Protein backbone atom coordinates (compact mmCIF):
# COMPACT_ATOMS: atom_id res chain seq x y z
CA MET A 1 0.02 -0.12 -0.01
CA LYS A 2 1.37 3.43 -0.92
CA THR A 3 1.38 6.26 1.33
CA GLN A 4 -0.91 9.11 0.28
CA ILE A 5 0.29 12.79 0.03
CA THR A 6 -2.09 15.98 -0.94
CA LEU A 7 -1.61 17.79 -4.06
CA ARG A 8 -0.69 20.72 -2.09
CA ALA A 9 2.24 18.81 -0.32
CA LEU A 10 3.36 17.84 -3.70
CA GLU A 11 3.20 21.52 -4.93
CA GLN A 12 5.31 22.60 -1.83
CA ARG A 13 7.93 19.94 -2.51
CA ILE A 14 8.34 20.85 -6.14
CA GLY A 15 8.28 24.56 -5.29
CA ILE A 16 11.14 24.03 -2.75
CA ARG A 17 13.13 22.14 -5.38
CA LEU A 18 12.60 24.76 -8.05
CA ALA A 19 13.70 27.55 -5.81
CA LYS A 20 17.05 26.15 -5.42
CA GLY A 21 17.27 26.80 -9.47
CA ASN A 22 15.80 30.30 -9.26
CA GLN A 23 12.33 29.26 -10.39
CA SER A 24 9.00 29.07 -8.83
CA LEU A 25 5.78 27.15 -9.27
CA HIS A 26 2.44 29.16 -9.53
CA LYS A 27 -1.10 28.10 -9.38
CA THR A 28 -3.55 30.06 -11.64
CA ARG A 29 -6.17 31.85 -10.15
CA ILE A 30 -9.71 31.13 -11.26
CA ARG A 31 -10.22 33.47 -14.51
CA ARG A 32 -11.06 31.83 -17.61
CA ARG A 33 -8.68 33.71 -19.85
CA THR A 34 -5.69 33.18 -17.61
CA ILE A 35 -6.28 29.54 -17.31
CA GLU A 36 -6.79 29.10 -21.18
CA SER A 37 -3.40 31.09 -21.74
CA LEU A 38 -1.30 29.46 -18.91
CA GLY A 39 -3.06 26.42 -17.67
CA PRO A 40 -3.81 25.37 -14.10
CA TYR A 41 -0.11 25.58 -12.93
CA TYR A 42 2.95 27.33 -14.59
CA ILE A 43 6.82 27.64 -13.75
CA VAL A 44 8.23 31.12 -13.82
CA ASN A 45 12.27 31.73 -13.95
CA ASP A 46 12.58 34.29 -11.19
CA ILE A 47 15.87 35.93 -12.79
CA THR A 48 14.30 36.78 -15.91
CA ASN A 49 10.75 37.01 -14.60
CA SER A 50 9.63 34.97 -17.69
CA ILE A 51 7.31 31.96 -17.92
CA ALA A 52 9.52 28.70 -17.91
CA ALA A 53 6.84 26.21 -18.42
CA GLN A 54 3.01 26.49 -18.82
CA MET A 55 -0.12 24.50 -19.34
CA ILE A 56 0.87 22.00 -16.54
CA ASN A 57 -2.23 20.14 -15.16
CA PRO A 58 -2.31 17.88 -11.85
CA ASP A 59 -1.36 14.87 -13.80
CA ARG A 60 1.65 16.34 -15.24
CA LEU A 61 2.55 17.72 -11.71
CA VAL A 62 2.80 14.23 -10.59
CA GLU A 63 4.97 13.37 -13.45
CA ILE A 64 7.29 16.41 -12.68
CA GLY A 65 7.37 15.28 -8.96
CA LYS A 66 8.61 11.96 -9.84
CA GLU A 67 11.23 13.29 -12.49
CA MET A 68 12.51 15.79 -9.80
CA ASP A 69 12.71 12.94 -6.94
CA VAL A 70 10.27 14.72 -4.88
CA LEU A 71 7.83 12.03 -4.99
CA ALA A 72 9.05 8.57 -3.79
CA ASN A 73 7.97 5.26 -5.38
CA TRP A 74 6.13 4.39 -2.19
CA GLU A 75 4.18 7.61 -2.38
CA GLU A 76 1.13 8.74 -4.34
CA VAL A 77 -0.99 11.70 -4.63
CA GLU A 78 -4.58 11.47 -3.23
CA ASN A 79 -7.53 12.19 -5.62
């Protein structure tokens, strides 16, 4: 049985890892036009203040967490 973590916990873990590389994870506020252009989550390069990645949905966020080794093999994000 895998340990459940919340999506918020995953957001924090990814945010901490990105901060080491001068980037930050942002969650889009609920506005139709903003979500259509940026997606639910996006990553900003803090040095240049430019968007490094956009259109990141929660499923992709889980994949990013696994790629960055902030989500262990025995953990899964609860739905």
